[in-house]
Amino acid sequence: MDEREKLRKFRELDDAFAEALKELEGSASKTVAEPKADVPSLEERRQQQERERQANFERRLEALMNEYSLPAESVSTLMRTLVQLGKIA
């Protein structure tokens, strides 16, 4: 695979990863209705939503890694680079 193809795939993965992060951030900002007596507490629901968001993110990331045949080390390097550049928190 030549360098241009690698760069194109990297950009596609970066764009898809950014989109997945936006979706996670968007779902985090949704409001939650007040709990009823038989419904879990607000904190329990928040924790459950966070677990679901994390699981969704992990599934999407794994699918992208499989689609682009990227090893975990490459994705880890990408994540560290994005954090260092201030692109993600």
PDB file of N, CA and C in Angstrom:
ATOM      1  N   MET A   1       0.858  -1.169   0.000  1.00  0.00           N
ATOM      2  CA  MET A   1       0.000   0.000   0.000  1.00  0.00           C
ATOM      3  C   MET A   1       0.909   1.240   0.000  1.00  0.00           C
ATOM      4  N   ASP A   2       0.678   2.160  -0.918  1.00  0.00           N
ATOM      5  CA  ASP A   2       1.541   3.343  -0.986  1.00  0.00           C
ATOM      6  C   ASP A   2       1.147   4.349   0.090  1.00  0.00           C
ATOM      7  N   GLU A   3       1.976   5.358   0.255  1.00  0.00           N
ATOM      8  CA  GLU A   3       1.778   6.347   1.319  1.00  0.00           C
ATOM      9  C   GLU A   3       0.480   7.140   1.143  1.00  0.00           C
ATOM     10  N   ARG A   4       0.105   7.451  -0.091  1.00  0.00           N
ATOM     11  CA  ARG A   4      -1.136   8.192  -0.315  1.00  0.00           C
ATOM     12  C   ARG A   4      -2.340   7.380   0.153  1.00  0.00           C
ATOM     13  N   GLU A   5      -2.328   6.094  -0.149  1.00  0.00           N
ATOM     14  CA  GLU A   5      -3.433   5.230   0.262  1.00  0.00           C
ATOM     15  C   GLU A   5      -3.484   5.129   1.782  1.00  0.00           C
ATOM     16  N   LYS A   6      -2.340   5.011   2.412  1.00  0.00           N
ATOM     17  CA  LYS A   6      -2.298   4.961   3.876  1.00  0.00           C
ATOM     18  C   LYS A   6      -2.840   6.255   4.472  1.00  0.00           C
ATOM     19  N   LEU A   7      -2.429   7.384   3.891  1.00  0.00           N
ATOM     20  CA  LEU A   7      -2.894   8.670   4.384  1.00  0.00           C
ATOM     21  C   LEU A   7      -4.401   8.816   4.191  1.00  0.00           C
ATOM     22  N   ARG A   8      -4.919   8.389   3.049  1.00  0.00           N
ATOM     23  CA  ARG A   8      -6.354   8.448   2.790  1.00  0.00           C
ATOM     24  C   ARG A   8      -7.122   7.603   3.800  1.00  0.00           C
ATOM     25  N   LYS A   9      -6.643   6.393   4.050  1.00  0.00           N
ATOM     26  CA  LYS A   9      -7.315   5.525   5.023  1.00  0.00           C
ATOM     27  C   LYS A   9      -7.245   6.114   6.426  1.00  0.00           C
ATOM     28  N   PHE A  10      -6.101   6.694   6.756  1.00  0.00           N
ATOM     29  CA  PHE A  10      -5.960   7.326   8.062  1.00  0.00           C
ATOM     30  C   PHE A  10      -6.968   8.467   8.205  1.00  0.00           C
ATOM     31  N   ARG A  11      -7.109   9.288   7.175  1.00  0.00           N
ATOM     32  CA  ARG A  11      -8.062  10.402   7.231  1.00  0.00           C
ATOM     33  C   ARG A  11      -9.492   9.891   7.346  1.00  0.00           C
ATOM     34  N   GLU A  12      -9.813   8.839   6.613  1.00  0.00           N
ATOM     35  CA  GLU A  12     -11.158   8.269   6.711  1.00  0.00           C
ATOM     36  C   GLU A  12     -11.419   7.767   8.125  1.00  0.00           C
ATOM     37  N   LEU A  13     -10.440   7.083   8.694  1.00  0.00           N
ATOM     38  CA  LEU A  13     -10.592   6.571  10.057  1.00  0.00           C
ATOM     39  C   LEU A  13     -10.717   7.726  11.037  1.00  0.00           C
ATOM     40  N   ASP A  14      -9.900   8.754  10.852  1.00  0.00           N
ATOM     41  CA  ASP A  14      -9.957   9.926  11.723  1.00  0.00           C
ATOM     42  C   ASP A  14     -11.329  10.596  11.634  1.00  0.00           C
ATOM     43  N   ASP A  15     -11.862  10.752  10.421  1.00  0.00           N
ATOM     44  CA  ASP A  15     -13.186  11.350  10.245  1.00  0.00           C
ATOM     45  C   ASP A  15     -14.269  10.502  10.905  1.00  0.00           C
ATOM     46  N   ALA A  16     -14.198   9.185  10.701  1.00  0.00           N
ATOM     47  CA  ALA A  16     -15.190   8.305  11.300  1.00  0.00           C
ATOM     48  C   ALA A  16     -15.085   8.321  12.820  1.00  0.00           C
ATOM     49  N   PHE A  17     -13.879   8.369  13.331  1.00  0.00           N
ATOM     50  CA  PHE A  17     -13.667   8.418  14.772  1.00  0.00           C
ATOM     51  C   PHE A  17     -14.220   9.721  15.343  1.00  0.00           C
ATOM     52  N   ALA A  18     -13.970  10.834  14.650  1.00  0.00           N
ATOM     53  CA  ALA A  18     -14.489  12.120  15.090  1.00  0.00           C
ATOM     54  C   ALA A  18     -16.016  12.113  15.106  1.00  0.00           C
ATOM     55  N   GLU A  19     -16.619  11.510  14.112  1.00  0.00           N
ATOM     56  CA  GLU A  19     -18.078  11.415  14.055  1.00  0.00           C
ATOM     57  C   GLU A  19     -18.613  10.586  15.226  1.00  0.00           C
ATOM     58  N   ALA A  20     -17.931   9.493  15.536  1.00  0.00           N
ATOM     59  CA  ALA A  20     -18.354   8.658  16.668  1.00  0.00           C
ATOM     60  C   ALA A  20     -18.258   9.447  17.975  1.00  0.00           C
ATOM     61  N   LEU A  21     -17.207  10.235  18.134  1.00  0.00           N
ATOM     62  CA  LEU A  21     -17.070  11.055  19.341  1.00  0.00           C
ATOM     63  C   LEU A  21     -18.166  12.106  19.426  1.00  0.00           C
ATOM     64  N   LYS A  22     -18.511  12.717  18.299  1.00  0.00           N
ATOM     65  CA  LYS A  22     -19.592  13.709  18.286  1.00  0.00           C
ATOM     66  C   LYS A  22     -20.907  13.070  18.711  1.00  0.00           C
ATOM     67  N   GLU A  23     -21.157  11.862  18.220  1.00  0.00           N
ATOM     68  CA  GLU A  23     -22.386  11.168  18.600  1.00  0.00           C
ATOM     69  C   GLU A  23     -22.401  10.879  20.092  1.00  0.00           C
ATOM     70  N   LEU A  24     -21.264  10.483  20.625  1.00  0.00           N
ATOM     71  CA  LEU A  24     -21.188  10.223  22.068  1.00  0.00           C
ATOM     72  C   LEU A  24     -21.431  11.500  22.854  1.00  0.00           C
ATOM     73  N   GLU A  25     -20.825  12.589  22.434  1.00  0.00           N
ATOM     74  CA  GLU A  25     -21.012  13.856  23.128  1.00  0.00           C
ATOM     75  C   GLU A  25     -22.452  14.332  23.013  1.00  0.00           C
ATOM     76  N   GLY A  26     -23.069  14.119  21.856  1.00  0.00           N
ATOM     77  CA  GLY A  26     -24.460  14.522  21.660  1.00  0.00           C
ATOM     78  C   GLY A  26     -25.405  13.740  22.546  1.00  0.00           C
ATOM     79  N   SER A  27     -25.168  12.449  22.681  1.00  0.00           N
ATOM     80  CA  SER A  27     -26.057  11.646  23.517  1.00  0.00           C
ATOM     81  C   SER A  27     -25.842  11.963  24.993  1.00  0.00           C
ATOM     82  N   ALA A  28     -24.668  12.442  25.344  1.00  0.00           N
ATOM     83  CA  ALA A  28     -24.391  12.789  26.740  1.00  0.00           C
ATOM     84  C   ALA A  28     -25.139  14.042  27.162  1.00  0.00           C
ATOM     85  N   SER A  29     -25.476  14.901  26.204  1.00  0.00           N
ATOM     86  CA  SER A  29     -26.131  16.153  26.548  1.00  0.00           C
ATOM     87  C   SER A  29     -27.651  16.058  26.593  1.00  0.00           C
ATOM     88  N   LYS A  30     -28.217  14.898  26.261  1.00  0.00           N
ATOM     89  CA  LYS A  30     -29.676  14.739  26.321  1.00  0.00           C
ATOM     90  C   LYS A  30     -30.145  14.795  27.768  1.00  0.00           C
ATOM     91  N   THR A  31     -31.311  15.386  27.963  1.00  0.00           N
ATOM     92  CA  THR A  31     -31.839  15.484  29.319  1.00  0.00           C
ATOM     93  C   THR A  31     -32.522  14.190  29.725  1.00  0.00           C
ATOM     94  N   VAL A  32     -32.574  13.970  31.030  1.00  0.00           N
ATOM     95  CA  VAL A  32     -33.184  12.771  31.587  1.00  0.00           C
ATOM     96  C   VAL A  32     -34.397  13.192  32.395  1.00  0.00           C
ATOM     97  N   ALA A  33     -35.525  12.488  32.225  1.00  0.00           N
ATOM     98  CA  ALA A  33     -36.755  12.805  32.955  1.00  0.00           C
ATOM     99  C   ALA A  33     -36.569  12.506  34.440  1.00  0.00           C
ATOM    100  N   GLU A  34     -37.384  13.136  35.267  1.00  0.00           N
ATOM    101  CA  GLU A  34     -37.325  12.909  36.707  1.00  0.00           C
ATOM    102  C   GLU A  34     -37.700  11.455  37.017  1.00  0.00           C
ATOM    103  N   PRO A  35     -37.001  10.828  37.960  1.00  0.00           N
ATOM    104  CA  PRO A  35     -37.290   9.431  38.286  1.00  0.00           C
ATOM    105  C   PRO A  35     -38.606   9.269  39.043  1.00  0.00           C
ATOM    106  N   LYS A  36     -39.256   8.149  38.807  1.00  0.00           N
ATOM    107  CA  LYS A  36     -40.454   7.787  39.557  1.00  0.00           C
ATOM    108  C   LYS A  36     -40.036   6.849  40.676  1.00  0.00           C
ATOM    109  N   ALA A  37     -40.966   6.507  41.540  1.00  0.00           N
ATOM    110  CA  ALA A  37     -40.644   5.687  42.714  1.00  0.00           C
ATOM    111  C   ALA A  37     -40.034   4.343  42.325  1.00  0.00           C
ATOM    112  N   ASP A  38     -40.543   3.685  41.271  1.00  0.00           N
ATOM    113  CA  ASP A  38     -40.057   2.360  40.902  1.00  0.00           C
ATOM    114  C   ASP A  38     -38.963   2.396  39.835  1.00  0.00           C
ATOM    115  N   VAL A  39     -38.480   3.580  39.504  1.00  0.00           N
ATOM    116  CA  VAL A  39     -37.456   3.751  38.477  1.00  0.00           C
ATOM    117  C   VAL A  39     -36.109   3.982  39.165  1.00  0.00           C
ATOM    118  N   PRO A  40     -35.020   3.485  38.567  1.00  0.00           N
ATOM    119  CA  PRO A  40     -33.702   3.716  39.187  1.00  0.00           C
ATOM    120  C   PRO A  40     -33.426   5.209  39.384  1.00  0.00           C
ATOM    121  N   SER A  41     -32.571   5.504  40.326  1.00  0.00           N
ATOM    122  CA  SER A  41     -32.248   6.901  40.626  1.00  0.00           C
ATOM    123  C   SER A  41     -31.555   7.568  39.440  1.00  0.00           C
ATOM    124  N   LEU A  42     -31.501   8.862  39.491  1.00  0.00           N
ATOM    125  CA  LEU A  42     -30.859   9.641  38.436  1.00  0.00           C
ATOM    126  C   LEU A  42     -29.402   9.231  38.267  1.00  0.00           C
ATOM    127  N   GLU A  43     -28.713   9.039  39.362  1.00  0.00           N
ATOM    128  CA  GLU A  43     -27.308   8.637  39.300  1.00  0.00           C
ATOM    129  C   GLU A  43     -27.164   7.244  38.694  1.00  0.00           C
ATOM    130  N   GLU A  44     -28.033   6.321  39.061  1.00  0.00           N
ATOM    131  CA  GLU A  44     -27.984   4.970  38.488  1.00  0.00           C
ATOM    132  C   GLU A  44     -28.232   5.006  36.985  1.00  0.00           C
ATOM    133  N   ARG A  45     -29.201   5.823  36.569  1.00  0.00           N
ATOM    134  CA  ARG A  45     -29.480   5.942  35.132  1.00  0.00           C
ATOM    135  C   ARG A  45     -28.320   6.593  34.408  1.00  0.00           C
ATOM    136  N   ARG A  46     -27.694   7.591  35.033  1.00  0.00           N
ATOM    137  CA  ARG A  46     -26.540   8.246  34.421  1.00  0.00           C
ATOM    138  C   ARG A  46     -25.394   7.254  34.235  1.00  0.00           C
ATOM    139  N   GLN A  47     -25.163   6.440  35.260  1.00  0.00           N
ATOM    140  CA  GLN A  47     -24.117   5.428  35.174  1.00  0.00           C
ATOM    141  C   GLN A  47     -24.431   4.405  34.082  1.00  0.00           C
ATOM    142  N   GLN A  48     -25.696   3.988  33.988  1.00  0.00           N
ATOM    143  CA  GLN A  48     -26.101   3.031  32.956  1.00  0.00           C
ATOM    144  C   GLN A  48     -25.916   3.638  31.566  1.00  0.00           C
ATOM    145  N   GLN A  49     -26.297   4.895  31.398  1.00  0.00           N
ATOM    146  CA  GLN A  49     -26.124   5.568  30.108  1.00  0.00           C
ATOM    147  C   GLN A  49     -24.647   5.674  29.742  1.00  0.00           C
ATOM    148  N   GLU A  50     -23.830   5.962  30.726  1.00  0.00           N
ATOM    149  CA  GLU A  50     -22.393   6.054  30.477  1.00  0.00           C
ATOM    150  C   GLU A  50     -21.831   4.699  30.040  1.00  0.00           C
ATOM    151  N   ARG A  51     -22.270   3.629  30.694  1.00  0.00           N
ATOM    152  CA  ARG A  51     -21.825   2.288  30.299  1.00  0.00           C
ATOM    153  C   ARG A  51     -22.276   1.970  28.873  1.00  0.00           C
ATOM    154  N   GLU A  52     -23.502   2.343  28.534  1.00  0.00           N
ATOM    155  CA  GLU A  52     -24.017   2.103  27.184  1.00  0.00           C
ATOM    156  C   GLU A  52     -23.240   2.913  26.149  1.00  0.00           C
ATOM    157  N   ARG A  53     -22.957   4.181  26.450  1.00  0.00           N
ATOM    158  CA  ARG A  53     -22.172   5.013  25.527  1.00  0.00           C
ATOM    159  C   ARG A  53     -20.788   4.420  25.317  1.00  0.00           C
ATOM    160  N   GLN A  54     -20.173   3.973  26.406  1.00  0.00           N
ATOM    161  CA  GLN A  54     -18.838   3.377  26.314  1.00  0.00           C
ATOM    162  C   GLN A  54     -18.879   2.106  25.470  1.00  0.00           C
ATOM    163  N   ALA A  55     -19.883   1.265  25.695  1.00  0.00           N
ATOM    164  CA  ALA A  55     -20.001   0.036  24.924  1.00  0.00           C
ATOM    165  C   ALA A  55     -20.241   0.337  23.442  1.00  0.00           C
ATOM    166  N   ASN A  56     -21.098   1.319  23.156  1.00  0.00           N
ATOM    167  CA  ASN A  56     -21.344   1.706  21.761  1.00  0.00           C
ATOM    168  C   ASN A  56     -20.071   2.225  21.107  1.00  0.00           C
ATOM    169  N   PHE A  57     -19.335   3.054  21.831  1.00  0.00           N
ATOM    170  CA  PHE A  57     -18.085   3.587  21.304  1.00  0.00           C
ATOM    171  C   PHE A  57     -17.105   2.456  21.009  1.00  0.00           C
ATOM    172  N   GLU A  58     -16.968   1.525  21.934  1.00  0.00           N
ATOM    173  CA  GLU A  58     -16.037   0.417  21.745  1.00  0.00           C
ATOM    174  C   GLU A  58     -16.433  -0.438  20.546  1.00  0.00           C
ATOM    175  N   ARG A  59     -17.752  -0.676  20.370  1.00  0.00           N
ATOM    176  CA  ARG A  59     -18.209  -1.455  19.212  1.00  0.00           C
ATOM    177  C   ARG A  59     -17.891  -0.732  17.907  1.00  0.00           C
ATOM    178  N   ARG A  60     -18.164   0.565  17.866  1.00  0.00           N
ATOM    179  CA  ARG A  60     -17.886   1.339  16.644  1.00  0.00           C
ATOM    180  C   ARG A  60     -16.395   1.383  16.351  1.00  0.00           C
ATOM    181  N   LEU A  61     -15.590   1.602  17.387  1.00  0.00           N
ATOM    182  CA  LEU A  61     -14.143   1.652  17.199  1.00  0.00           C
ATOM    183  C   LEU A  61     -13.626   0.304  16.696  1.00  0.00           C
ATOM    184  N   GLU A  62     -14.092  -0.774  17.282  1.00  0.00           N
ATOM    185  CA  GLU A  62     -13.664  -2.102  16.847  1.00  0.00           C
ATOM    186  C   GLU A  62     -14.076  -2.365  15.403  1.00  0.00           C
ATOM    187  N   ALA A  63     -15.289  -1.952  15.028  1.00  0.00           N
ATOM    188  CA  ALA A  63     -15.749  -2.128  13.649  1.00  0.00           C
ATOM    189  C   ALA A  63     -14.866  -1.336  12.682  1.00  0.00           C
ATOM    190  N   LEU A  64     -14.517  -0.105  13.063  1.00  0.00           N
ATOM    191  CA  LEU A  64     -13.636   0.701  12.209  1.00  0.00           C
ATOM    192  C   LEU A  64     -12.251   0.072  12.095  1.00  0.00           C
ATOM    193  N   MET A  65     -11.743  -0.432  13.203  1.00  0.00           N
ATOM    194  CA  MET A  65     -10.430  -1.077  13.174  1.00  0.00           C
ATOM    195  C   MET A  65     -10.463  -2.285  12.245  1.00  0.00           C
ATOM    196  N   ASN A  66     -11.540  -3.064  12.313  1.00  0.00           N
ATOM    197  CA  ASN A  66     -11.661  -4.231  11.436  1.00  0.00           C
ATOM    198  C   ASN A  66     -11.815  -3.813   9.985  1.00  0.00           C
ATOM    199  N   GLU A  67     -12.624  -2.787   9.736  1.00  0.00           N
ATOM    200  CA  GLU A  67     -12.873  -2.328   8.371  1.00  0.00           C
ATOM    201  C   GLU A  67     -11.582  -1.866   7.702  1.00  0.00           C
ATOM    202  N   TYR A  68     -10.734  -1.171   8.453  1.00  0.00           N
ATOM    203  CA  TYR A  68      -9.497  -0.638   7.882  1.00  0.00           C
ATOM    204  C   TYR A  68      -8.274  -1.493   8.210  1.00  0.00           C
ATOM    205  N   SER A  69      -8.508  -2.648   8.791  1.00  0.00           N
ATOM    206  CA  SER A  69      -7.422  -3.592   9.118  1.00  0.00           C
ATOM    207  C   SER A  69      -6.303  -2.915   9.906  1.00  0.00           C
ATOM    208  N   LEU A  70      -6.696  -2.197  10.940  1.00  0.00           N
ATOM    209  CA  LEU A  70      -5.718  -1.502  11.772  1.00  0.00           C
ATOM    210  C   LEU A  70      -5.529  -2.241  13.094  1.00  0.00           C
ATOM    211  N   PRO A  71      -4.282  -2.453  13.466  1.00  0.00           N
ATOM    212  CA  PRO A  71      -4.026  -3.092  14.766  1.00  0.00           C
ATOM    213  C   PRO A  71      -4.276  -2.097  15.902  1.00  0.00           C
ATOM    214  N   ALA A  72      -4.489  -2.621  17.080  1.00  0.00           N
ATOM    215  CA  ALA A  72      -4.765  -1.785  18.255  1.00  0.00           C
ATOM    216  C   ALA A  72      -3.630  -0.802  18.521  1.00  0.00           C
ATOM    217  N   GLU A  73      -2.386  -1.201  18.227  1.00  0.00           N
ATOM    218  CA  GLU A  73      -1.254  -0.312  18.467  1.00  0.00           C
ATOM    219  C   GLU A  73      -1.366   0.961  17.614  1.00  0.00           C
ATOM    220  N   SER A  74      -1.794   0.811  16.367  1.00  0.00           N
ATOM    221  CA  SER A  74      -1.938   1.976  15.485  1.00  0.00           C
ATOM    222  C   SER A  74      -3.029   2.908  15.995  1.00  0.00           C
ATOM    223  N   VAL A  75      -4.130   2.339  16.433  1.00  0.00           N
ATOM    224  CA  VAL A  75      -5.227   3.153  16.941  1.00  0.00           C
ATOM    225  C   VAL A  75      -4.816   3.832  18.244  1.00  0.00           C
ATOM    226  N   SER A  76      -4.077   3.125  19.064  1.00  0.00           N
ATOM    227  CA  SER A  76      -3.585   3.708  20.311  1.00  0.00           C
ATOM    228  C   SER A  76      -2.672   4.896  20.022  1.00  0.00           C
ATOM    229  N   THR A  77      -1.798   4.742  19.048  1.00  0.00           N
ATOM    230  CA  THR A  77      -0.913   5.843  18.651  1.00  0.00           C
ATOM    231  C   THR A  77      -1.736   7.020  18.141  1.00  0.00           C
ATOM    232  N   LEU A  78      -2.746   6.734  17.336  1.00  0.00           N
ATOM    233  CA  LEU A  78      -3.630   7.783  16.824  1.00  0.00           C
ATOM    234  C   LEU A  78      -4.303   8.519  17.978  1.00  0.00           C
ATOM    235  N   MET A  79      -4.819   7.775  18.947  1.00  0.00           N
ATOM    236  CA  MET A  79      -5.497   8.390  20.087  1.00  0.00           C
ATOM    237  C   MET A  79      -4.538   9.286  20.877  1.00  0.00           C
ATOM    238  N   ARG A  80      -3.340   8.790  21.147  1.00  0.00           N
ATOM    239  CA  ARG A  80      -2.365   9.595  21.884  1.00  0.00           C
ATOM    240  C   ARG A  80      -2.021  10.874  21.116  1.00  0.00           C
ATOM    241  N   THR A  81      -1.880  10.746  19.807  1.00  0.00           N
ATOM    242  CA  THR A  81      -1.567  11.912  18.976  1.00  0.00           C
ATOM    243  C   THR A  81      -2.698  12.930  19.029  1.00  0.00           C
ATOM    244  N   LEU A  82      -3.942  12.462  18.902  1.00  0.00           N
ATOM    245  CA  LEU A  82      -5.081  13.367  18.948  1.00  0.00           C
ATOM    246  C   LEU A  82      -5.183  14.072  20.300  1.00  0.00           C
ATOM    247  N   VAL A  83      -4.923  13.343  21.364  1.00  0.00           N
ATOM    248  CA  VAL A  83      -4.959  13.946  22.702  1.00  0.00           C
ATOM    249  C   VAL A  83      -3.857  14.991  22.824  1.00  0.00           C
ATOM    250  N   GLN A  84      -2.657  14.677  22.356  1.00  0.00           N
ATOM    251  CA  GLN A  84      -1.538  15.615  22.444  1.00  0.00           C
ATOM    252  C   GLN A  84      -1.809  16.877  21.625  1.00  0.00           C
ATOM    253  N   LEU A  85      -2.502  16.725  20.498  1.00  0.00           N
ATOM    254  CA  LEU A  85      -2.817  17.872  19.657  1.00  0.00           C
ATOM    255  C   LEU A  85      -4.027  18.655  20.159  1.00  0.00           C
ATOM    256  N   GLY A  86      -4.660  18.137  21.203  1.00  0.00           N
ATOM    257  CA  GLY A  86      -5.816  18.820  21.774  1.00  0.00           C
ATOM    258  C   GLY A  86      -7.094  18.612  20.977  1.00  0.00           C
ATOM    259  N   LYS A  87      -7.121  17.591  20.115  1.00  0.00           N
ATOM    260  CA  LYS A  87      -8.302  17.325  19.301  1.00  0.00           C
ATOM    261  C   LYS A  87      -9.389  16.628  20.100  1.00  0.00           C
ATOM    262  N   ILE A  88      -9.001  15.862  21.121  1.00  0.00           N
ATOM    263  CA  ILE A  88      -9.962  15.204  22.007  1.00  0.00           C
ATOM    264  C   ILE A  88      -9.463  15.347  23.434  1.00  0.00           C
ATOM    265  N   ALA A  89     -10.401  15.232  24.354  1.00  0.00           N
ATOM    266  CA  ALA A  89     -10.038  15.367  25.777  1.00  0.00           C
ATOM    267  C   ALA A  89      -9.837  14.014  26.399  1.00  0.00           C
TER     268      ALA A  89
END
